[in-house]
mmCIF file of all heavy atoms, coordinates in Angstrom:
data_MODEL
# 
_entry.id   MODEL 
# 
loop_
_atom_site.group_PDB 
_atom_site.id 
_atom_site.type_symbol 
_atom_site.label_atom_id 
_atom_site.label_alt_id 
_atom_site.label_comp_id 
_atom_site.label_asym_id 
_atom_site.label_entity_id 
_atom_site.label_seq_id 
_atom_site.pdbx_PDB_ins_code 
_atom_site.Cartn_x 
_atom_site.Cartn_y 
_atom_site.Cartn_z 
_atom_site.occupancy 
_atom_site.B_iso_or_equiv 
_atom_site.pdbx_formal_charge 
_atom_site.auth_seq_id 
_atom_site.auth_comp_id 
_atom_site.auth_asym_id 
_atom_site.auth_atom_id 
_atom_site.pdbx_PDB_model_num 
ATOM 1   N N   . ARG A 1 1  ? -2.161  11.387  -19.046 1.00 0.00 ? 1  ARG A N   1 
ATOM 2   C CA  . ARG A 1 1  ? -2.630  10.017  -18.920 1.00 0.00 ? 1  ARG A CA  1 
ATOM 3   C C   . ARG A 1 1  ? -2.255  9.486   -17.568 1.00 0.00 ? 1  ARG A C   1 
ATOM 4   O O   . ARG A 1 1  ? -1.183  9.799   -17.056 1.00 0.00 ? 1  ARG A O   1 
ATOM 5   C CB  . ARG A 1 1  ? -2.037  9.138   -20.015 1.00 0.00 ? 1  ARG A CB  1 
ATOM 6   C CG  . ARG A 1 1  ? -2.289  9.522   -21.490 1.00 0.00 ? 1  ARG A CG  1 
ATOM 7   C CD  . ARG A 1 1  ? -3.721  9.099   -21.873 1.00 0.00 ? 1  ARG A CD  1 
ATOM 8   N NE  . ARG A 1 1  ? -3.977  9.293   -23.254 1.00 0.00 ? 1  ARG A NE  1 
ATOM 9   C CZ  . ARG A 1 1  ? -3.824  8.415   -24.214 1.00 0.00 ? 1  ARG A CZ  1 
ATOM 10  N NH1 . ARG A 1 1  ? -3.346  7.202   -23.918 1.00 0.00 ? 1  ARG A NH1 1 
ATOM 11  N NH2 . ARG A 1 1  ? -4.074  8.697   -25.486 1.00 0.00 ? 1  ARG A NH2 1 
ATOM 12  N N   . PHE A 1 2  ? -3.078  8.606   -17.014 1.00 0.00 ? 2  PHE A N   1 
ATOM 13  C CA  . PHE A 1 2  ? -2.745  8.029   -15.662 1.00 0.00 ? 2  PHE A CA  1 
ATOM 14  C C   . PHE A 1 2  ? -1.483  7.193   -15.756 1.00 0.00 ? 2  PHE A C   1 
ATOM 15  O O   . PHE A 1 2  ? -1.207  6.516   -16.733 1.00 0.00 ? 2  PHE A O   1 
ATOM 16  C CB  . PHE A 1 2  ? -3.907  7.203   -15.173 1.00 0.00 ? 2  PHE A CB  1 
ATOM 17  C CG  . PHE A 1 2  ? -5.039  8.005   -14.650 1.00 0.00 ? 2  PHE A CG  1 
ATOM 18  C CD1 . PHE A 1 2  ? -6.229  8.139   -15.377 1.00 0.00 ? 2  PHE A CD1 1 
ATOM 19  C CD2 . PHE A 1 2  ? -4.956  8.641   -13.408 1.00 0.00 ? 2  PHE A CD2 1 
ATOM 20  C CE1 . PHE A 1 2  ? -7.304  8.891   -14.876 1.00 0.00 ? 2  PHE A CE1 1 
ATOM 21  C CE2 . PHE A 1 2  ? -5.969  9.382   -12.892 1.00 0.00 ? 2  PHE A CE2 1 
ATOM 22  C CZ  . PHE A 1 2  ? -7.166  9.540   -13.661 1.00 0.00 ? 2  PHE A CZ  1 
ATOM 23  N N   . GLY A 1 3  ? -0.670  7.303   -14.687 1.00 0.00 ? 3  GLY A N   1 
ATOM 24  C CA  . GLY A 1 3  ? 0.546   6.567   -14.601 1.00 0.00 ? 3  GLY A CA  1 
ATOM 25  C C   . GLY A 1 3  ? 0.904   6.211   -13.157 1.00 0.00 ? 3  GLY A C   1 
ATOM 26  O O   . GLY A 1 3  ? 0.376   5.230   -12.613 1.00 0.00 ? 3  GLY A O   1 
ATOM 27  N N   . THR A 1 4  ? 1.721   6.990   -12.543 1.00 0.00 ? 4  THR A N   1 
ATOM 28  C CA  . THR A 1 4  ? 2.166   6.768   -11.127 1.00 0.00 ? 4  THR A CA  1 
ATOM 29  C C   . THR A 1 4  ? 0.949   6.594   -10.207 1.00 0.00 ? 4  THR A C   1 
ATOM 30  O O   . THR A 1 4  ? -0.074  7.301   -10.382 1.00 0.00 ? 4  THR A O   1 
ATOM 31  C CB  . THR A 1 4  ? 3.053   7.884   -10.655 1.00 0.00 ? 4  THR A CB  1 
ATOM 32  O OG1 . THR A 1 4  ? 4.295   7.825   -11.397 1.00 0.00 ? 4  THR A OG1 1 
ATOM 33  C CG2 . THR A 1 4  ? 3.378   7.764   -9.199  1.00 0.00 ? 4  THR A CG2 1 
ATOM 34  N N   . MET A 1 5  ? 1.076   5.691   -9.287  1.00 0.00 ? 5  MET A N   1 
ATOM 35  C CA  . MET A 1 5  ? 0.111   5.383   -8.301  1.00 0.00 ? 5  MET A CA  1 
ATOM 36  C C   . MET A 1 5  ? 0.608   5.772   -6.949  1.00 0.00 ? 5  MET A C   1 
ATOM 37  O O   . MET A 1 5  ? 1.793   5.704   -6.662  1.00 0.00 ? 5  MET A O   1 
ATOM 38  C CB  . MET A 1 5  ? -0.271  3.891   -8.291  1.00 0.00 ? 5  MET A CB  1 
ATOM 39  C CG  . MET A 1 5  ? -1.450  3.493   -7.474  1.00 0.00 ? 5  MET A CG  1 
ATOM 40  S SD  . MET A 1 5  ? -3.052  3.720   -8.252  1.00 0.00 ? 5  MET A SD  1 
ATOM 41  C CE  . MET A 1 5  ? -2.974  2.422   -9.489  1.00 0.00 ? 5  MET A CE  1 
ATOM 42  N N   . ALA A 1 6  ? -0.301  6.287   -6.067  1.00 0.00 ? 6  ALA A N   1 
ATOM 43  C CA  . ALA A 1 6  ? 0.053   6.614   -4.676  1.00 0.00 ? 6  ALA A CA  1 
ATOM 44  C C   . ALA A 1 6  ? -0.635  5.657   -3.744  1.00 0.00 ? 6  ALA A C   1 
ATOM 45  O O   . ALA A 1 6  ? -1.638  5.024   -4.071  1.00 0.00 ? 6  ALA A O   1 
ATOM 46  C CB  . ALA A 1 6  ? -0.366  8.010   -4.404  1.00 0.00 ? 6  ALA A CB  1 
ATOM 47  N N   . ARG A 1 7  ? -0.141  5.540   -2.541  1.00 0.00 ? 7  ARG A N   1 
ATOM 48  C CA  . ARG A 1 7  ? -0.786  4.782   -1.467  1.00 0.00 ? 7  ARG A CA  1 
ATOM 49  C C   . ARG A 1 7  ? -0.858  5.676   -0.242  1.00 0.00 ? 7  ARG A C   1 
ATOM 50  O O   . ARG A 1 7  ? 0.067   6.400   0.080   1.00 0.00 ? 7  ARG A O   1 
ATOM 51  C CB  . ARG A 1 7  ? 0.039   3.542   -1.057  1.00 0.00 ? 7  ARG A CB  1 
ATOM 52  C CG  . ARG A 1 7  ? 0.185   2.459   -2.094  1.00 0.00 ? 7  ARG A CG  1 
ATOM 53  C CD  . ARG A 1 7  ? 0.752   1.228   -1.420  1.00 0.00 ? 7  ARG A CD  1 
ATOM 54  N NE  . ARG A 1 7  ? 1.685   0.498   -2.306  1.00 0.00 ? 7  ARG A NE  1 
ATOM 55  C CZ  . ARG A 1 7  ? 2.350   -0.540  -1.946  1.00 0.00 ? 7  ARG A CZ  1 
ATOM 56  N NH1 . ARG A 1 7  ? 2.162   -1.062  -0.728  1.00 0.00 ? 7  ARG A NH1 1 
ATOM 57  N NH2 . ARG A 1 7  ? 3.158   -1.146  -2.763  1.00 0.00 ? 7  ARG A NH2 1 
ATOM 58  N N   . ALA A 1 8  ? -1.940  5.544   0.491   1.00 0.00 ? 8  ALA A N   1 
ATOM 59  C CA  . ALA A 1 8  ? -2.101  6.285   1.695   1.00 0.00 ? 8  ALA A CA  1 
ATOM 60  C C   . ALA A 1 8  ? -1.036  5.822   2.744   1.00 0.00 ? 8  ALA A C   1 
ATOM 61  O O   . ALA A 1 8  ? -0.489  6.604   3.491   1.00 0.00 ? 8  ALA A O   1 
ATOM 62  C CB  . ALA A 1 8  ? -3.442  6.138   2.282   1.00 0.00 ? 8  ALA A CB  1 
ATOM 63  N N   . LEU A 1 9  ? -0.772  4.512   2.760   1.00 0.00 ? 9  LEU A N   1 
ATOM 64  C CA  . LEU A 1 9  ? 0.174   3.942   3.751   1.00 0.00 ? 9  LEU A CA  1 
ATOM 65  C C   . LEU A 1 9  ? 0.726   2.642   3.199   1.00 0.00 ? 9  LEU A C   1 
ATOM 66  O O   . LEU A 1 9  ? -0.034  1.823   2.595   1.00 0.00 ? 9  LEU A O   1 
ATOM 67  C CB  . LEU A 1 9  ? -0.548  3.727   5.067   1.00 0.00 ? 9  LEU A CB  1 
ATOM 68  C CG  . LEU A 1 9  ? 0.268   3.204   6.196   1.00 0.00 ? 9  LEU A CG  1 
ATOM 69  C CD1 . LEU A 1 9  ? 1.323   4.219   6.643   1.00 0.00 ? 9  LEU A CD1 1 
ATOM 70  C CD2 . LEU A 1 9  ? -0.625  2.806   7.402   1.00 0.00 ? 9  LEU A CD2 1 
ATOM 71  N N   . SER A 1 10 ? 1.994   2.401   3.377   1.00 0.00 ? 10 SER A N   1 
ATOM 72  C CA  . SER A 1 10 ? 2.552   1.103   3.072   1.00 0.00 ? 10 SER A CA  1 
ATOM 73  C C   . SER A 1 10 ? 3.268   0.533   4.294   1.00 0.00 ? 10 SER A C   1 
ATOM 74  O O   . SER A 1 10 ? 3.840   1.342   5.121   1.00 0.00 ? 10 SER A O   1 
ATOM 75  C CB  . SER A 1 10 ? 3.604   1.219   1.931   1.00 0.00 ? 10 SER A CB  1 
ATOM 76  O OG  . SER A 1 10 ? 4.587   2.138   2.193   1.00 0.00 ? 10 SER A OG  1 
ATOM 77  N N   . ILE A 1 11 ? 3.188   -0.747  4.466   1.00 0.00 ? 11 ILE A N   1 
ATOM 78  C CA  . ILE A 1 11 ? 3.763   -1.423  5.631   1.00 0.00 ? 11 ILE A CA  1 
ATOM 79  C C   . ILE A 1 11 ? 4.569   -2.661  5.206   1.00 0.00 ? 11 ILE A C   1 
ATOM 80  O O   . ILE A 1 11 ? 4.053   -3.490  4.416   1.00 0.00 ? 11 ILE A O   1 
ATOM 81  C CB  . ILE A 1 11 ? 2.677   -1.832  6.613   1.00 0.00 ? 11 ILE A CB  1 
ATOM 82  C CG1 . ILE A 1 11 ? 1.921   -0.620  7.123   1.00 0.00 ? 11 ILE A CG1 1 
ATOM 83  C CG2 . ILE A 1 11 ? 3.309   -2.601  7.815   1.00 0.00 ? 11 ILE A CG2 1 
ATOM 84  C CD1 . ILE A 1 11 ? 0.779   -0.942  8.072   1.00 0.00 ? 11 ILE A CD1 1 
ATOM 85  N N   . LYS A 1 12 ? 5.804   -2.700  5.588   1.00 0.00 ? 12 LYS A N   1 
ATOM 86  C CA  . LYS A 1 12 ? 6.735   -3.871  5.349   1.00 0.00 ? 12 LYS A CA  1 
ATOM 87  C C   . LYS A 1 12 ? 6.814   -4.193  3.837   1.00 0.00 ? 12 LYS A C   1 
ATOM 88  O O   . LYS A 1 12 ? 6.788   -5.347  3.399   1.00 0.00 ? 12 LYS A O   1 
ATOM 89  C CB  . LYS A 1 12 ? 6.208   -5.076  6.089   1.00 0.00 ? 12 LYS A CB  1 
ATOM 90  C CG  . LYS A 1 12 ? 6.295   -4.899  7.630   1.00 0.00 ? 12 LYS A CG  1 
ATOM 91  C CD  . LYS A 1 12 ? 6.029   -6.171  8.392   1.00 0.00 ? 12 LYS A CD  1 
ATOM 92  C CE  . LYS A 1 12 ? 4.638   -6.619  8.280   1.00 0.00 ? 12 LYS A CE  1 
ATOM 93  N NZ  . LYS A 1 12 ? 4.269   -7.737  9.203   1.00 0.00 ? 12 LYS A NZ  1 
ATOM 94  N N   . VAL A 1 13 ? 7.049   -3.162  3.070   1.00 0.00 ? 13 VAL A N   1 
ATOM 95  C CA  . VAL A 1 13 ? 7.320   -3.389  1.600   1.00 0.00 ? 13 VAL A CA  1 
ATOM 96  C C   . VAL A 1 13 ? 8.672   -4.064  1.428   1.00 0.00 ? 13 VAL A C   1 
ATOM 97  O O   . VAL A 1 13 ? 9.645   -3.694  2.085   1.00 0.00 ? 13 VAL A O   1 
ATOM 98  C CB  . VAL A 1 13 ? 7.322   -2.036  0.853   1.00 0.00 ? 13 VAL A CB  1 
ATOM 99  C CG1 . VAL A 1 13 ? 7.656   -2.275  -0.644  1.00 0.00 ? 13 VAL A CG1 1 
ATOM 100 C CG2 . VAL A 1 13 ? 5.975   -1.353  0.984   1.00 0.00 ? 13 VAL A CG2 1 
ATOM 101 N N   . ALA A 1 14 ? 8.731   -5.147  0.651   1.00 0.00 ? 14 ALA A N   1 
ATOM 102 C CA  . ALA A 1 14 ? 9.932   -5.898  0.371   1.00 0.00 ? 14 ALA A CA  1 
ATOM 103 C C   . ALA A 1 14 ? 10.528  -6.399  1.659   1.00 0.00 ? 14 ALA A C   1 
ATOM 104 O O   . ALA A 1 14 ? 11.756  -6.569  1.740   1.00 0.00 ? 14 ALA A O   1 
ATOM 105 C CB  . ALA A 1 14 ? 10.930  -5.062  -0.433  1.00 0.00 ? 14 ALA A CB  1 
ATOM 106 N N   . ASP A 1 15 ? 9.710   -6.690  2.699   1.00 0.00 ? 15 ASP A N   1 
ATOM 107 C CA  . ASP A 1 15 ? 10.224  -7.133  4.002   1.00 0.00 ? 15 ASP A CA  1 
ATOM 108 C C   . ASP A 1 15 ? 10.079  -8.710  3.940   1.00 0.00 ? 15 ASP A C   1 
ATOM 109 O O   . ASP A 1 15 ? 9.015   -9.261  3.559   1.00 0.00 ? 15 ASP A O   1 
ATOM 110 C CB  . ASP A 1 15 ? 9.328   -6.587  5.049   1.00 0.00 ? 15 ASP A CB  1 
ATOM 111 C CG  . ASP A 1 15 ? 9.884   -6.807  6.458   1.00 0.00 ? 15 ASP A CG  1 
ATOM 112 O OD1 . ASP A 1 15 ? 10.166  -7.943  6.801   1.00 0.00 ? 15 ASP A OD1 1 
ATOM 113 O OD2 . ASP A 1 15 ? 10.034  -5.780  7.217   1.00 0.00 ? 15 ASP A OD2 1 
ATOM 114 N N   . PRO A 1 16 ? 11.105  -9.428  4.407   1.00 0.00 ? 16 PRO A N   1 
ATOM 115 C CA  . PRO A 1 16 ? 11.042  -10.906 4.439   1.00 0.00 ? 16 PRO A CA  1 
ATOM 116 C C   . PRO A 1 16 ? 9.819   -11.404 5.251   1.00 0.00 ? 16 PRO A C   1 
ATOM 117 O O   . PRO A 1 16 ? 9.377   -12.568 5.058   1.00 0.00 ? 16 PRO A O   1 
ATOM 118 C CB  . PRO A 1 16 ? 12.350  -11.307 5.098   1.00 0.00 ? 16 PRO A CB  1 
ATOM 119 C CG  . PRO A 1 16 ? 13.292  -10.132 4.862   1.00 0.00 ? 16 PRO A CG  1 
ATOM 120 C CD  . PRO A 1 16 ? 12.408  -8.924  4.877   1.00 0.00 ? 16 PRO A CD  1 
ATOM 121 N N   . ARG A 1 17 ? 9.299   -10.614 6.194   1.00 0.00 ? 17 ARG A N   1 
ATOM 122 C CA  . ARG A 1 17 ? 8.178   -11.023 6.983   1.00 0.00 ? 17 ARG A CA  1 
ATOM 123 C C   . ARG A 1 17 ? 6.856   -10.956 6.240   1.00 0.00 ? 17 ARG A C   1 
ATOM 124 O O   . ARG A 1 17 ? 5.838   -11.438 6.707   1.00 0.00 ? 17 ARG A O   1 
ATOM 125 C CB  . ARG A 1 17 ? 8.081   -10.128 8.242   1.00 0.00 ? 17 ARG A CB  1 
ATOM 126 C CG  . ARG A 1 17 ? 9.213   -10.272 9.189   1.00 0.00 ? 17 ARG A CG  1 
ATOM 127 C CD  . ARG A 1 17 ? 9.178   -9.177  10.265  1.00 0.00 ? 17 ARG A CD  1 
ATOM 128 N NE  . ARG A 1 17 ? 9.400   -7.837  9.733   1.00 0.00 ? 17 ARG A NE  1 
ATOM 129 C CZ  . ARG A 1 17 ? 9.398   -6.731  10.418  1.00 0.00 ? 17 ARG A CZ  1 
ATOM 130 N NH1 . ARG A 1 17 ? 9.257   -6.781  11.769  1.00 0.00 ? 17 ARG A NH1 1 
ATOM 131 N NH2 . ARG A 1 17 ? 9.602   -5.560  9.868   1.00 0.00 ? 17 ARG A NH2 1 
ATOM 132 N N   . GLY A 1 18 ? 6.916   -10.351 5.035   1.00 0.00 ? 18 GLY A N   1 
ATOM 133 C CA  . GLY A 1 18 ? 5.700   -10.303 4.200   1.00 0.00 ? 18 GLY A CA  1 
ATOM 134 C C   . GLY A 1 18 ? 5.064   -8.907  4.251   1.00 0.00 ? 18 GLY A C   1 
ATOM 135 O O   . GLY A 1 18 ? 4.965   -8.335  5.331   1.00 0.00 ? 18 GLY A O   1 
ATOM 136 N N   . GLU A 1 19 ? 4.638   -8.390  3.126   1.00 0.00 ? 19 GLU A N   1 
ATOM 137 C CA  . GLU A 1 19 ? 4.058   -7.070  3.057   1.00 0.00 ? 19 GLU A CA  1 
ATOM 138 C C   . GLU A 1 19 ? 2.627   -7.100  3.607   1.00 0.00 ? 19 GLU A C   1 
ATOM 139 O O   . GLU A 1 19 ? 1.917   -8.070  3.450   1.00 0.00 ? 19 GLU A O   1 
ATOM 140 C CB  . GLU A 1 19 ? 4.042   -6.533  1.667   1.00 0.00 ? 19 GLU A CB  1 
ATOM 141 C CG  . GLU A 1 19 ? 3.563   -5.095  1.529   1.00 0.00 ? 19 GLU A CG  1 
ATOM 142 C CD  . GLU A 1 19 ? 3.789   -4.478  0.157   1.00 0.00 ? 19 GLU A CD  1 
ATOM 143 O OE1 . GLU A 1 19 ? 4.401   -5.148  -0.721  1.00 0.00 ? 19 GLU A OE1 1 
ATOM 144 O OE2 . GLU A 1 19 ? 3.368   -3.333  -0.056  1.00 0.00 ? 19 GLU A OE2 1 
ATOM 145 N N   . GLU A 1 20 ? 2.257   -5.977  4.233   1.00 0.00 ? 20 GLU A N   1 
ATOM 146 C CA  . GLU A 1 20 ? 0.902   -5.798  4.758   1.00 0.00 ? 20 GLU A CA  1 
ATOM 147 C C   . GLU A 1 20 ? 0.234   -4.661  3.974   1.00 0.00 ? 20 GLU A C   1 
ATOM 148 O O   . GLU A 1 20 ? 0.875   -3.603  3.738   1.00 0.00 ? 20 GLU A O   1 
ATOM 149 C CB  . GLU A 1 20 ? 1.019   -5.399  6.267   1.00 0.00 ? 20 GLU A CB  1 
ATOM 150 C CG  . GLU A 1 20 ? -0.233  -5.294  6.977   1.00 0.00 ? 20 GLU A CG  1 
ATOM 151 C CD  . GLU A 1 20 ? 0.015   -4.968  8.509   1.00 0.00 ? 20 GLU A CD  1 
ATOM 152 O OE1 . GLU A 1 20 ? 0.925   -5.638  9.062   1.00 0.00 ? 20 GLU A OE1 1 
ATOM 153 O OE2 . GLU A 1 20 ? -0.647  -4.118  9.025   1.00 0.00 ? 20 GLU A OE2 1 
ATOM 154 N N   . PHE A 1 21 ? -1.015  -4.857  3.557   1.00 0.00 ? 21 PHE A N   1 
ATOM 155 C CA  . PHE A 1 21 ? -1.696  -3.867  2.783   1.00 0.00 ? 21 PHE A CA  1 
ATOM 156 C C   . PHE A 1 21 ? -2.823  -3.220  3.530   1.00 0.00 ? 21 PHE A C   1 
ATOM 157 O O   . PHE A 1 21 ? -3.938  -3.827  3.615   1.00 0.00 ? 21 PHE A O   1 
ATOM 158 C CB  . PHE A 1 21 ? -2.221  -4.531  1.476   1.00 0.00 ? 21 PHE A CB  1 
ATOM 159 C CG  . PHE A 1 21 ? -1.110  -4.878  0.478   1.00 0.00 ? 21 PHE A CG  1 
ATOM 160 C CD1 . PHE A 1 21 ? -0.532  -6.127  0.515   1.00 0.00 ? 21 PHE A CD1 1 
ATOM 161 C CD2 . PHE A 1 21 ? -0.708  -3.944  -0.472  1.00 0.00 ? 21 PHE A CD2 1 
ATOM 162 C CE1 . PHE A 1 21 ? 0.473   -6.463  -0.428  1.00 0.00 ? 21 PHE A CE1 1 
ATOM 163 C CE2 . PHE A 1 21 ? 0.264   -4.255  -1.383  1.00 0.00 ? 21 PHE A CE2 1 
ATOM 164 C CZ  . PHE A 1 21 ? 0.865   -5.480  -1.348  1.00 0.00 ? 21 PHE A CZ  1 
ATOM 165 N N   . PRO A 1 22 ? -2.632  -2.052  4.085   1.00 0.00 ? 22 PRO A N   1 
ATOM 166 C CA  . PRO A 1 22 ? -3.723  -1.369  4.726   1.00 0.00 ? 22 PRO A CA  1 
ATOM 167 C C   . PRO A 1 22 ? -4.846  -1.076  3.683   1.00 0.00 ? 22 PRO A C   1 
ATOM 168 O O   . PRO A 1 22 ? -4.641  -0.882  2.518   1.00 0.00 ? 22 PRO A O   1 
ATOM 169 C CB  . PRO A 1 22 ? -3.123  -0.053  5.184   1.00 0.00 ? 22 PRO A CB  1 
ATOM 170 C CG  . PRO A 1 22 ? -1.644  -0.344  5.321   1.00 0.00 ? 22 PRO A CG  1 
ATOM 171 C CD  . PRO A 1 22 ? -1.358  -1.335  4.209   1.00 0.00 ? 22 PRO A CD  1 
ATOM 172 N N   . THR A 1 23 ? -6.092  -1.091  4.176   1.00 0.00 ? 23 THR A N   1 
ATOM 173 C CA  . THR A 1 23 ? -7.279  -1.012  3.299   1.00 0.00 ? 23 THR A CA  1 
ATOM 174 C C   . THR A 1 23 ? -8.181  0.153   3.773   1.00 0.00 ? 23 THR A C   1 
ATOM 175 O O   . THR A 1 23 ? -8.448  0.242   4.975   1.00 0.00 ? 23 THR A O   1 
ATOM 176 C CB  . THR A 1 23 ? -8.079  -2.323  3.291   1.00 0.00 ? 23 THR A CB  1 
ATOM 177 O OG1 . THR A 1 23 ? -7.216  -3.371  2.790   1.00 0.00 ? 23 THR A OG1 1 
ATOM 178 C CG2 . THR A 1 23 ? -9.304  -2.196  2.378   1.00 0.00 ? 23 THR A CG2 1 
ATOM 179 N N   . ILE A 1 24 ? -8.604  0.951   2.843   1.00 0.00 ? 24 ILE A N   1 
ATOM 180 C CA  . ILE A 1 24 ? -9.597  1.954   3.174   1.00 0.00 ? 24 ILE A CA  1 
ATOM 181 C C   . ILE A 1 24 ? -10.954 1.234   3.262   1.00 0.00 ? 24 ILE A C   1 
ATOM 182 O O   . ILE A 1 24 ? -11.401 0.589   2.286   1.00 0.00 ? 24 ILE A O   1 
ATOM 183 C CB  . ILE A 1 24 ? -9.649  3.021   2.112   1.00 0.00 ? 24 ILE A CB  1 
ATOM 184 C CG1 . ILE A 1 24 ? -8.383  3.872   2.108   1.00 0.00 ? 24 ILE A CG1 1 
ATOM 185 C CG2 . ILE A 1 24 ? -10.837 4.014   2.362   1.00 0.00 ? 24 ILE A CG2 1 
ATOM 186 C CD1 . ILE A 1 24 ? -8.290  4.960   1.084   1.00 0.00 ? 24 ILE A CD1 1 
ATOM 187 N N   . ARG A 1 25 ? -11.578 1.335   4.394   1.00 0.00 ? 25 ARG A N   1 
ATOM 188 C CA  . ARG A 1 25 ? -12.852 0.691   4.621   1.00 0.00 ? 25 ARG A CA  1 
ATOM 189 C C   . ARG A 1 25 ? -14.046 1.569   4.353   1.00 0.00 ? 25 ARG A C   1 
ATOM 190 O O   . ARG A 1 25 ? -15.112 1.166   3.932   1.00 0.00 ? 25 ARG A O   1 
ATOM 191 C CB  . ARG A 1 25 ? -12.955 0.122   6.011   1.00 0.00 ? 25 ARG A CB  1 
ATOM 192 C CG  . ARG A 1 25 ? -11.854 -0.993  6.225   1.00 0.00 ? 25 ARG A CG  1 
ATOM 193 C CD  . ARG A 1 25 ? -12.409 -1.984  7.244   1.00 0.00 ? 25 ARG A CD  1 
ATOM 194 N NE  . ARG A 1 25 ? -11.512 -3.155  7.300   1.00 0.00 ? 25 ARG A NE  1 
ATOM 195 C CZ  . ARG A 1 25 ? -11.726 -4.209  8.076   1.00 0.00 ? 25 ARG A CZ  1 
ATOM 196 N NH1 . ARG A 1 25 ? -12.784 -4.235  8.805   1.00 0.00 ? 25 ARG A NH1 1 
ATOM 197 N NH2 . ARG A 1 25 ? -10.863 -5.165  8.125   1.00 0.00 ? 25 ARG A NH2 1 
ATOM 198 N N   . THR A 1 26 ? -13.882 2.869   4.658   1.00 0.00 ? 26 THR A N   1 
ATOM 199 C CA  . THR A 1 26 ? -14.987 3.809   4.559   1.00 0.00 ? 26 THR A CA  1 
ATOM 200 C C   . THR A 1 26 ? -14.527 5.128   4.076   1.00 0.00 ? 26 THR A C   1 
ATOM 201 O O   . THR A 1 26 ? -13.479 5.638   4.524   1.00 0.00 ? 26 THR A O   1 
ATOM 202 C CB  . THR A 1 26 ? -15.752 3.963   5.900   1.00 0.00 ? 26 THR A CB  1 
ATOM 203 O OG1 . THR A 1 26 ? -16.066 2.681   6.431   1.00 0.00 ? 26 THR A OG1 1 
ATOM 204 C CG2 . THR A 1 26 ? -17.030 4.765   5.721   1.00 0.00 ? 26 THR A CG2 1 
ATOM 205 N N   . PHE A 1 27 ? -15.291 5.766   3.149   1.00 0.00 ? 27 PHE A N   1 
ATOM 206 C CA  . PHE A 1 27 ? -15.061 7.116   2.682   1.00 0.00 ? 27 PHE A CA  1 
ATOM 207 C C   . PHE A 1 27 ? -16.208 8.005   3.184   1.00 0.00 ? 27 PHE A C   1 
ATOM 208 O O   . PHE A 1 27 ? -17.371 7.557   3.168   1.00 0.00 ? 27 PHE A O   1 
ATOM 209 C CB  . PHE A 1 27 ? -14.966 7.221   1.179   1.00 0.00 ? 27 PHE A CB  1 
ATOM 210 C CG  . PHE A 1 27 ? -13.720 6.647   0.606   1.00 0.00 ? 27 PHE A CG  1 
ATOM 211 C CD1 . PHE A 1 27 ? -13.782 5.412   -0.144  1.00 0.00 ? 27 PHE A CD1 1 
ATOM 212 C CD2 . PHE A 1 27 ? -12.534 7.338   0.605   1.00 0.00 ? 27 PHE A CD2 1 
ATOM 213 C CE1 . PHE A 1 27 ? -12.658 4.915   -0.704  1.00 0.00 ? 27 PHE A CE1 1 
ATOM 214 C CE2 . PHE A 1 27 ? -11.389 6.866   -0.013  1.00 0.00 ? 27 PHE A CE2 1 
ATOM 215 C CZ  . PHE A 1 27 ? -11.450 5.635   -0.645  1.00 0.00 ? 27 PHE A CZ  1 
# 
């Protein structure tokens, strides 16, 4: 069953400056 999730890239996770979420624009 689906569970754990992966990300291609994470930026500033749990950073006081605020997290940034890279987005896949094209496949």
